[in-house]
Amino acid sequence: MSGIHLFEAATYAARRNRLQQAIPSGIILLMGNEESPSNYTDNVYPFRQDSNFLYFLGIDKPGLAAIIDVDAGKTILFGDDPDIMHIVWMGALPSMSELAAAAGGADTASYDQIENYLAEARSKGRFIHYLPPYRADNSIKLSRWLGISIDGLAADASVPLIEAVVAQRSSKSDEEIVEMEKAVNTSGLMHIAAMKAARAGMKEYELVGLVESIARAGGGGLPYTVILSVNGQILHNHSYGNTLQSGQLVLGDFGADTAMHYAGDITRTLPVDQKFTTQQKEIYQIVLDTEVAAIQSLKPGIRYLDVHLTAAKHIAEGLKSLGLMKGDLDAAVAAGAHALFFPHGLGHMIGLDVHDMEDLGENYVGYGKEVTRSTQFGLRSLRLARTLEPGFVLTVEPGIYFIPELINLWRKENKHTEFINYDKLEAYFNFGGIRIEDNVLITPEGHRVLGNPIPKTIAEVEALRIG
């Protein structure tokens, strides 16, 4: 039935039971999302349910909210049965009782009753735990229901609930891993298709249309906006109007999600020509060696911060071998000089969200209480720094970029001149960027790269380009 997820109902009941055990008393309020109009009410953006609501209830439809009453030991699903007009336009839809059963058992009530339920709880002094809202419509509801100004909602969100959700969702179950491998495998098909199809004279948007169609054909959609550009030095480039030209690189950072919204996030870089140039091969191999070494080092008990810093040192060593960096590389990395070329973090958690749970606060997800986030350029963009645990799924995505505007700024400021050979960088001003990314599960023994292998060596990529 439409709007019902596919895990067993007992999965959702068990998840909520575990959450209740982490919260000693009060009410847990979980907000579902609403449809969002694109340019008028009946023309909406593709609906995306809140991931926490999906995780604990599994229902992928708008117009819902849930309360887990910790003291009463019950879940109440608030929503309304479809009326005949819904059915005329949308077809037969599940009833509230059917949705509640699929979610592992819950009481049901009409949506307009939630405000009274919360008002009664507030009158009795009961604590209402809620997660920080990121949608304006939910912020308005929460403000009205809880008597908190919209500006104050984030500060009053329940830290114990945030921490409990992060702790629970961080470790992926076997059934979640199955979904994530589906997402990665579809993502791989998207990248292989782009590697085969790219030709000089094409527009970027032609490749974007191709890979988006494969994501849709895989049964899901896109977990994030496709990044595909000959301007790979622009980290999140969402403009697709350039024409592919001989001598350029195409950086593609895109993936698919499944019908259950588990995400894949893969990056590959390919030459517009059939083969990489010598200059491109030199930079590509540094990035590939860095990615492979970082993946090989992954295991429980190590901090991802340290994996990131080792990757930064590996990139700096490669660039020094080409004469682009110089001096003491440990000192260079400590000073952040490498971030001229590698200005982002090595990776992030991934799951129901491509940047998993970041609506709850990136520092809760990626840092916790054990690591303090750096303010240094580049390092401050590391989304995951904490100690790795079995069940974590994360991205490993080193890159090297030549950003003329940043190079010129640092050179004008005489920044890190003891580590950077600025004179030699002019030969790379039209290079673009290279990033290579895979999704990796942390296992009790070490790690496992998810999905079928996606071509990434120079020989593998060139073989597809020739084919």
Protein backbone atom coordinates (compact mmCIF):
# COMPACT_ATOMS: atom_id res chain seq x y z
CA MET A 1 0.00 0.00 0.00
CA SER A 2 1.17 3.53 -0.78
CA GLY A 3 2.92 5.23 2.13
CA ILE A 4 3.93 2.04 3.97
CA HIS A 5 7.58 1.08 4.21
CA LEU A 6 8.84 -2.43 3.75
CA PHE A 7 10.71 -3.40 6.91
CA GLU A 8 8.81 -5.73 9.23
CA ALA A 9 6.46 -3.94 11.62
CA ALA A 10 8.41 -5.39 14.55
CA THR A 11 11.47 -3.41 13.44
CA TYR A 12 9.76 -0.09 14.08
CA ALA A 13 8.30 -1.22 17.39
CA ALA A 14 11.76 -2.34 18.52
CA ARG A 15 13.33 0.94 17.46
CA ARG A 16 10.80 2.96 19.44
CA ASN A 17 11.19 0.69 22.45
CA ARG A 18 14.93 1.26 22.44
CA LEU A 19 14.39 5.02 22.15
CA GLN A 20 11.99 5.00 25.10
CA GLN A 21 14.60 3.23 27.20
CA ALA A 22 17.03 6.09 26.55
CA ILE A 23 14.56 8.80 27.61
CA PRO A 24 13.55 8.42 31.28
CA SER A 25 10.20 10.23 31.17
CA GLY A 26 7.96 12.64 29.33
CA ILE A 27 6.73 12.80 25.76
CA ILE A 28 8.71 12.32 22.57
CA LEU A 29 7.23 14.31 19.68
CA LEU A 30 8.21 13.22 16.16
CA MET A 31 7.13 15.52 13.34
CA GLY A 32 6.36 14.18 9.90
CA ASN A 33 6.84 16.46 6.91
CA GLU A 34 4.20 18.08 4.75
CA GLU A 35 4.12 18.55 0.99
CA SER A 36 5.82 21.77 -0.06
CA PRO A 37 4.34 23.90 -2.87
CA SER A 38 6.65 24.69 -5.77
CA ASN A 39 4.75 27.63 -7.22
CA TYR A 40 1.16 27.02 -6.13
CA THR A 41 -0.57 24.76 -3.64
CA ASP A 42 -1.37 21.83 -5.90
CA ASN A 43 2.01 21.80 -7.67
CA VAL A 44 4.44 20.48 -5.10
CA TYR A 45 8.07 19.50 -4.86
CA PRO A 46 8.67 15.73 -4.63
CA PHE A 47 7.63 14.72 -1.13
CA ARG A 48 10.39 13.70 1.27
CA GLN A 49 9.43 12.38 4.67
CA ASP A 50 11.46 13.35 7.72
CA SER A 51 14.17 10.73 8.19
CA ASN A 52 13.64 10.37 11.94
CA PHE A 53 9.96 9.80 11.34
CA LEU A 54 10.87 7.20 8.70
CA TYR A 55 13.31 5.50 11.04
CA PHE A 56 10.90 5.13 13.95
CA LEU A 57 7.59 4.71 12.09
CA GLY A 58 8.41 3.85 8.47
CA ILE A 59 5.49 5.78 6.98
CA ASP A 60 6.31 7.76 3.85
CA LYS A 61 3.32 10.07 3.50
CA PRO A 62 2.49 13.64 4.50
CA GLY A 63 0.05 14.83 7.12
CA LEU A 64 1.35 12.82 10.09
CA ALA A 65 2.95 13.31 13.47
CA ALA A 66 3.59 10.90 16.31
CA ILE A 67 3.92 11.00 20.05
CA ILE A 68 5.78 8.37 22.01
CA ASP A 69 4.43 8.69 25.53
CA VAL A 70 7.31 7.32 27.58
CA ASP A 71 5.36 7.27 30.86
CA ALA A 72 2.34 5.54 29.35
CA GLY A 73 4.48 3.22 27.21
CA LYS A 74 2.54 3.83 24.02
CA THR A 75 2.79 5.44 20.61
CA ILE A 76 0.04 7.60 19.14
CA LEU A 77 -0.05 8.26 15.41
CA PHE A 78 -1.85 11.50 14.52
CA GLY A 79 -3.35 11.88 11.06
CA ASP A 80 -6.57 11.62 9.12
CA ASP A 81 -8.11 8.88 7.01
CA PRO A 82 -8.31 9.71 3.31
CA ASP A 83 -11.65 11.11 2.17
CA ILE A 84 -13.29 10.43 -1.16
CA MET A 85 -11.61 13.41 -2.86
CA HIS A 86 -8.19 12.04 -1.88
CA ILE A 87 -9.17 8.71 -3.40
CA VAL A 88 -10.50 10.30 -6.59
CA TRP A 89 -7.24 12.12 -7.22
CA MET A 90 -4.71 9.79 -5.59
CA GLY A 91 -6.31 6.34 -5.70
CA ALA A 92 -6.95 4.00 -2.78
CA LEU A 93 -4.82 4.99 0.20
CA PRO A 94 -4.15 3.14 3.47
CA SER A 95 -6.25 3.97 6.50
CA MET A 96 -4.74 5.28 9.71
CA SER A 97 -5.26 1.90 11.36
CA GLU A 98 -3.38 0.18 8.52
CA LEU A 99 -0.53 2.66 8.81
CA ALA A 100 -0.37 2.18 12.58
CA ALA A 101 -0.19 -1.59 12.18
CA ALA A 102 2.60 -1.33 9.60
CA ALA A 103 4.49 0.93 12.01
CA GLY A 104 4.57 -1.78 14.65
CA GLY A 105 1.41 -0.96 16.51
CA ALA A 106 0.16 2.43 17.64
CA ASP A 107 -2.97 4.16 18.80
CA THR A 108 -4.43 6.58 16.28
CA ALA A 109 -6.02 10.01 16.57
CA SER A 110 -7.00 12.76 14.16
CA TYR A 111 -4.29 15.28 13.40
CA ASP A 112 -6.10 18.17 15.05
CA GLN A 113 -6.06 16.33 18.41
CA ILE A 114 -2.31 16.59 18.81
CA GLU A 115 -2.46 20.22 19.96
CA ASN A 116 -4.85 19.31 22.81
CA TYR A 117 -2.72 16.33 23.80
CA LEU A 118 0.35 18.52 24.07
CA ALA A 119 -1.54 21.30 25.87
CA GLU A 120 -2.71 18.83 28.51
CA ALA A 121 0.82 17.50 28.91
CA ARG A 122 2.17 21.02 29.34
CA SER A 123 -0.50 21.84 31.91
CA LYS A 124 0.70 18.87 33.95
CA GLY A 125 4.32 19.96 33.72
CA ARG A 126 5.37 17.01 31.59
CA PHE A 127 8.55 17.41 29.58
CA ILE A 128 8.08 17.38 25.81
CA HIS A 129 11.13 16.21 23.91
CA TYR A 130 11.37 17.33 20.30
CA LEU A 131 14.08 17.44 17.64
CA PRO A 132 15.27 20.71 16.05
CA PRO A 133 12.99 21.56 13.12
CA TYR A 134 14.39 22.38 9.68
CA ARG A 135 11.11 22.97 7.82
CA ALA A 136 9.28 26.29 8.24
CA ASP A 137 5.82 24.70 8.44
CA ASN A 138 6.88 22.41 11.28
CA SER A 139 8.53 25.32 13.07
CA ILE A 140 5.26 27.23 12.95
CA LYS A 141 3.34 24.25 14.34
CA LEU A 142 5.82 23.61 17.12
CA SER A 143 5.85 27.26 18.08
CA ARG A 144 2.06 27.27 18.38
CA TRP A 145 1.75 23.92 20.10
CA LEU A 146 4.57 24.41 22.62
CA GLY A 147 4.40 28.16 23.24
CA ILE A 148 7.99 28.70 22.14
CA SER A 149 9.05 31.46 19.78
CA ILE A 150 10.22 30.26 16.39
CA ASP A 151 13.62 31.77 17.06
CA GLY A 152 13.87 29.79 20.29
CA LEU A 153 12.92 26.35 18.95
CA ALA A 154 16.45 25.18 18.10
CA ALA A 155 17.82 26.14 21.52
CA ASP A 156 14.97 24.38 23.34
CA ALA A 157 15.21 21.14 21.35
CA SER A 158 15.85 18.13 23.57
CA VAL A 159 19.57 17.33 23.77
CA PRO A 160 18.89 13.94 25.43
CA LEU A 161 16.59 13.04 22.51
CA ILE A 162 19.11 14.25 19.92
CA GLU A 163 21.86 12.18 21.53
CA ALA A 164 19.63 9.11 21.84
CA VAL A 165 18.58 9.28 18.18
CA VAL A 166 22.16 9.78 17.01
CA ALA A 167 23.37 6.85 19.11
CA GLN A 168 20.67 4.59 17.72
CA ARG A 169 20.73 5.59 14.06
CA SER A 170 24.54 5.65 13.81
CA SER A 171 24.80 1.88 13.91
CA LYS A 172 23.16 0.40 10.83
CA SER A 173 21.33 -2.93 11.09
CA ASP A 174 21.75 -5.77 8.61
CA GLU A 175 18.49 -4.87 6.89
CA GLU A 176 19.62 -1.26 6.54
CA ILE A 177 22.90 -2.38 4.99
CA VAL A 178 20.94 -4.38 2.39
CA GLU A 179 19.11 -1.20 1.43
CA MET A 180 22.31 0.83 1.32
CA GLU A 181 23.98 -1.69 -0.96
CA LYS A 182 21.00 -1.42 -3.32
CA ALA A 183 21.54 2.34 -3.37
CA VAL A 184 25.27 2.02 -4.02
CA ASN A 185 24.73 -0.49 -6.81
CA THR A 186 22.30 1.81 -8.60
CA SER A 187 24.74 4.67 -8.02
CA GLY A 188 27.45 2.57 -9.66
CA LEU A 189 25.29 2.04 -12.72
CA MET A 190 24.82 5.78 -12.96
CA HIS A 191 28.57 6.41 -12.90
CA ILE A 192 29.39 3.67 -15.39
CA ALA A 193 26.81 5.10 -17.78
CA ALA A 194 28.36 8.56 -17.49
CA MET A 195 31.85 7.15 -18.07
CA LYS A 196 30.67 5.45 -21.25
CA ALA A 197 28.57 8.31 -22.60
CA ALA A 198 30.67 11.44 -22.03
CA ARG A 199 32.00 12.98 -25.25
CA ALA A 200 33.43 16.30 -26.34
CA GLY A 201 30.62 18.53 -27.59
CA MET A 202 28.03 17.23 -25.13
CA LYS A 203 26.39 19.48 -22.59
CA GLU A 204 26.75 18.66 -18.92
CA TYR A 205 22.97 18.52 -18.64
CA GLU A 206 22.83 15.67 -21.14
CA LEU A 207 24.85 13.52 -18.75
CA VAL A 208 22.78 14.77 -15.81
CA GLY A 209 19.60 13.65 -17.55
CA LEU A 210 21.13 10.25 -18.22
CA VAL A 211 22.20 9.55 -14.64
CA GLU A 212 18.99 10.91 -13.12
CA SER A 213 16.95 8.55 -15.30
CA ILE A 214 18.96 5.57 -14.02
CA ALA A 215 18.33 6.62 -10.43
CA ARG A 216 14.61 6.76 -11.10
CA ALA A 217 14.68 3.44 -12.95
CA GLY A 218 16.29 1.88 -9.88
CA GLY A 219 13.07 2.37 -7.95
CA GLY A 220 14.09 5.36 -5.89
CA GLY A 221 15.38 8.77 -6.81
CA LEU A 222 18.08 11.25 -5.91
CA PRO A 223 19.22 11.68 -2.29
CA TYR A 224 20.88 14.99 -3.20
CA THR A 225 21.22 17.28 -6.20
CA VAL A 226 23.57 15.91 -8.84
CA ILE A 227 27.03 17.47 -8.97
CA LEU A 228 28.43 17.00 -12.48
CA SER A 229 30.77 19.52 -14.01
CA VAL A 230 33.90 20.24 -15.98
CA ASN A 231 34.51 22.80 -13.23
CA GLY A 232 35.36 20.18 -10.63
CA GLN A 233 37.17 22.80 -8.57
CA ILE A 234 33.73 24.15 -7.60
CA LEU A 235 32.88 21.70 -4.85
CA HIS A 236 29.08 21.83 -5.09
CA ASN A 237 28.52 22.89 -8.68
CA HIS A 238 24.83 22.57 -9.61
CA SER A 239 25.06 24.42 -12.94
CA TYR A 240 25.00 22.14 -15.98
CA GLY A 241 25.28 24.45 -18.99
CA ASN A 242 28.92 23.90 -19.96
CA THR A 243 29.97 22.06 -23.10
CA LEU A 244 32.46 19.23 -22.57
CA GLN A 245 35.71 20.03 -24.38
CA SER A 246 38.77 17.98 -25.23
CA GLY A 247 41.40 18.15 -22.51
CA GLN A 248 38.93 18.66 -19.69
CA LEU A 249 37.94 16.47 -16.75
CA VAL A 250 34.38 15.72 -15.69
CA LEU A 251 33.78 15.36 -11.97
CA GLY A 252 30.55 13.53 -11.11
CA ASP A 253 29.37 13.38 -7.49
CA PHE A 254 25.96 11.74 -7.49
CA GLY A 255 24.06 8.72 -6.29
CA ALA A 256 20.69 7.08 -5.95
CA ASP A 257 18.49 6.34 -3.01
CA THR A 258 16.15 3.39 -2.65
CA ALA A 259 12.38 3.49 -2.34
CA MET A 260 13.01 3.46 1.41
CA HIS A 261 15.31 6.50 1.05
CA TYR A 262 18.61 4.89 2.03
CA ALA A 263 21.26 6.82 0.13
CA GLY A 264 24.28 6.16 -2.01
CA ASP A 265 26.94 8.86 -2.45
CA ILE A 266 29.65 8.10 -5.02
CA THR A 267 32.14 10.32 -6.85
CA ARG A 268 34.19 9.51 -9.91
CA THR A 269 36.26 11.71 -12.23
CA LEU A 270 36.82 10.98 -15.92
CA PRO A 271 38.55 12.59 -18.89
CA VAL A 272 36.49 14.07 -21.71
CA ASP A 273 38.98 12.39 -24.05
CA GLN A 274 39.47 8.65 -24.18
CA LYS A 275 42.56 8.88 -22.00
CA PHE A 276 43.84 11.07 -19.18
CA THR A 277 46.67 13.45 -19.98
CA THR A 278 49.97 12.97 -18.16
CA GLN A 279 49.20 15.91 -15.89
CA GLN A 280 45.74 14.51 -15.12
CA LYS A 281 47.13 11.04 -14.42
CA GLU A 282 49.64 12.43 -11.92
CA ILE A 283 46.97 14.19 -9.86
CA TYR A 284 44.44 11.38 -10.27
CA GLN A 285 46.84 8.76 -8.95
CA ILE A 286 47.57 10.83 -5.84
CA VAL A 287 43.84 11.07 -5.10
CA LEU A 288 43.25 7.38 -5.80
CA ASP A 289 46.18 6.23 -3.66
CA THR A 290 44.95 8.49 -0.86
CA GLU A 291 41.42 7.09 -1.05
CA VAL A 292 42.55 3.46 -1.13
CA ALA A 293 44.95 3.96 1.78
CA ALA A 294 42.28 5.72 3.85
CA ILE A 295 39.79 2.91 3.23
CA GLN A 296 42.35 0.25 4.10
CA SER A 297 43.02 1.91 7.44
CA LEU A 298 39.40 1.89 8.60
CA LYS A 299 38.45 -0.17 11.62
CA PRO A 300 36.68 0.28 14.96
CA GLY A 301 38.51 2.28 17.59
CA ILE A 302 40.28 4.81 15.38
CA ARG A 303 39.28 8.43 15.05
CA TYR A 304 38.18 9.55 11.62
CA LEU A 305 39.94 12.83 12.39
CA ASP A 306 43.22 10.93 12.31
CA VAL A 307 42.29 9.19 9.05
CA HIS A 308 41.56 12.62 7.56
CA LEU A 309 44.89 14.06 8.70
CA THR A 310 46.76 11.06 7.32
CA ALA A 311 44.96 11.54 4.00
CA ALA A 312 45.95 15.22 4.03
CA LYS A 313 49.59 14.21 4.57
CA HIS A 314 49.34 11.69 1.72
CA ILE A 315 48.01 14.40 -0.61
CA ALA A 316 50.74 16.79 0.47
CA GLU A 317 53.41 14.14 -0.20
CA GLY A 318 52.05 13.57 -3.68
CA LEU A 319 51.95 17.28 -4.45
CA LYS A 320 55.49 17.70 -3.13
CA SER A 321 56.66 14.96 -5.49
CA LEU A 322 55.31 17.13 -8.34
CA GLY A 323 56.97 20.25 -6.99
CA LEU A 324 53.70 21.94 -6.00
CA MET A 325 54.34 21.76 -2.26
CA LYS A 326 57.58 21.89 -0.31
CA GLY A 327 59.10 21.90 3.17
CA ASP A 328 58.18 19.93 6.27
CA LEU A 329 54.90 18.26 5.38
CA ASP A 330 53.89 17.49 8.96
CA ALA A 331 54.19 21.19 9.66
CA ALA A 332 52.36 21.98 6.41
CA VAL A 333 49.38 19.81 7.36
CA ALA A 334 49.36 21.15 10.93
CA ALA A 335 49.24 24.68 9.51
CA GLY A 336 46.53 23.77 7.00
CA ALA A 337 48.59 24.56 3.90
CA HIS A 338 47.32 21.43 2.14
CA ALA A 339 43.78 22.83 2.31
CA LEU A 340 44.59 25.06 -0.67
CA PHE A 341 44.20 21.84 -2.66
CA PHE A 342 41.99 19.76 -0.29
CA PRO A 343 39.61 22.26 1.35
CA HIS A 344 36.97 19.81 2.61
CA GLY A 345 36.67 16.88 4.98
CA LEU A 346 37.47 13.28 4.11
CA GLY A 347 33.89 12.13 4.61
CA HIS A 348 30.68 11.96 6.59
CA MET A 349 28.14 9.50 7.93
CA ILE A 350 25.55 8.26 5.44
CA GLY A 351 22.26 6.39 5.81
CA LEU A 352 18.70 7.64 5.45
CA ASP A 353 20.25 11.04 4.80
CA VAL A 354 23.18 11.52 2.50
CA HIS A 355 24.74 13.54 5.33
CA ASP A 356 23.22 11.33 7.95
CA MET A 357 21.27 13.00 10.76
CA GLU A 358 22.79 16.41 10.16
CA ASP A 359 19.39 17.99 10.81
CA LEU A 360 20.09 17.06 14.44
CA GLY A 361 23.37 18.99 14.47
CA GLU A 362 26.55 18.03 12.66
CA ASN A 363 28.63 18.13 15.82
CA TYR A 364 26.35 15.66 17.62
CA VAL A 365 26.68 13.24 14.71
CA GLY A 366 30.32 13.61 13.75
CA TYR A 367 32.04 14.80 16.92
CA GLY A 368 30.04 14.00 20.04
CA LYS A 369 31.77 14.85 23.30
CA GLU A 370 35.17 13.38 22.47
CA VAL A 371 36.47 15.74 19.77
CA THR A 372 36.36 19.53 19.54
CA ARG A 373 35.80 20.87 16.06
CA SER A 374 38.65 22.85 14.52
CA THR A 375 38.21 26.39 13.24
CA GLN A 376 41.03 25.98 10.69
CA PHE A 377 40.16 26.42 7.02
CA GLY A 378 39.60 23.00 5.48
CA LEU A 379 39.69 21.07 8.72
CA ARG A 380 36.62 22.89 10.00
CA SER A 381 34.70 21.29 7.09
CA LEU A 382 35.38 17.77 8.36
CA ARG A 383 31.92 16.43 9.16
CA LEU A 384 33.05 13.22 10.89
CA ALA A 385 35.91 13.17 13.40
CA ARG A 386 34.81 10.80 16.17
CA THR A 387 36.00 7.28 16.95
CA LEU A 388 34.59 4.71 14.53
CA GLU A 389 32.31 1.94 15.73
CA PRO A 390 30.92 -1.22 14.11
CA GLY A 391 27.80 -0.42 12.12
CA PHE A 392 28.88 3.05 11.05
CA VAL A 393 28.60 3.70 7.32
CA LEU A 394 30.64 6.60 6.02
CA THR A 395 32.02 8.16 2.88
CA VAL A 396 35.70 8.32 1.99
CA GLU A 397 36.17 11.13 -0.54
CA PRO A 398 39.58 12.81 -0.83
CA GLY A 399 40.14 15.28 -3.61
CA ILE A 400 42.61 17.68 -5.16
CA TYR A 401 41.36 20.93 -6.65
CA PHE A 402 42.99 23.92 -8.29
CA ILE A 403 40.81 26.92 -7.45
CA PRO A 404 42.32 29.97 -9.19
CA GLU A 405 40.50 32.48 -6.98
CA LEU A 406 41.73 30.81 -3.79
CA ILE A 407 45.27 30.39 -5.12
CA ASN A 408 45.44 34.06 -6.10
CA LEU A 409 44.09 35.17 -2.72
CA TRP A 410 46.56 33.09 -0.72
CA ARG A 411 49.43 34.19 -2.96
CA LYS A 412 48.48 37.86 -2.51
CA GLU A 413 48.41 37.32 1.25
CA ASN A 414 51.79 35.49 1.17
CA LYS A 415 50.06 32.64 2.93
CA HIS A 416 52.01 29.42 3.56
CA THR A 417 54.80 30.44 1.19
CA GLU A 418 57.14 28.07 3.03
CA PHE A 419 54.97 25.14 1.91
CA ILE A 420 53.49 26.13 -1.48
CA ASN A 421 55.27 26.73 -4.78
CA TYR A 422 52.87 29.30 -6.19
CA ASP A 423 54.86 29.85 -9.40
CA LYS A 424 54.22 26.26 -10.49
CA LEU A 425 50.47 26.45 -9.93
CA GLU A 426 49.76 28.63 -12.95
CA ALA A 427 50.09 25.53 -15.14
CA TYR A 428 47.07 24.06 -13.29
CA PHE A 429 44.68 27.03 -13.43
CA ASN A 430 42.48 25.30 -16.03
CA PHE A 431 42.81 21.85 -14.46
CA GLY A 432 39.58 21.72 -12.46
CA GLY A 433 39.44 19.09 -9.75
CA ILE A 434 39.49 15.38 -8.99
CA ARG A 435 37.55 13.58 -6.28
CA ILE A 436 37.04 9.83 -5.78
CA GLU A 437 34.48 8.56 -3.26
CA ASP A 438 33.12 5.27 -1.96
CA ASN A 439 30.77 4.24 0.86
CA VAL A 440 32.24 2.03 3.58
CA LEU A 441 30.76 -0.02 6.42
CA ILE A 442 32.75 -0.37 9.63
CA THR A 443 32.63 -4.03 10.69
CA PRO A 444 33.73 -5.61 13.99
CA GLU A 445 36.89 -6.84 12.24
CA GLY A 446 37.62 -3.81 10.06
CA HIS A 447 35.61 -2.51 7.12
CA ARG A 448 33.79 -3.40 3.91
CA VAL A 449 33.25 -1.22 0.85
CA LEU A 450 29.54 -1.37 0.03
CA GLY A 451 28.18 -2.52 -3.29
CA ASN A 452 29.68 -3.92 -6.43
CA PRO A 453 33.07 -2.43 -7.38
CA ILE A 454 32.74 0.78 -9.40
CA PRO A 455 35.63 1.39 -11.83
CA LYS A 456 38.13 3.87 -10.42
CA THR A 457 41.68 3.00 -11.47
CA ILE A 458 43.09 4.89 -14.42
CA ALA A 459 43.06 1.72 -16.51
CA GLU A 460 39.46 0.88 -15.55
CA VAL A 461 38.16 4.36 -16.34
CA GLU A 462 40.03 4.57 -19.64
CA ALA A 463 38.74 1.15 -20.67
CA LEU A 464 35.18 2.45 -20.34
CA ARG A 465 36.05 5.65 -22.17
CA ILE A 466 37.39 3.70 -25.13
CA GLY A 467 34.45 1.30 -25.07
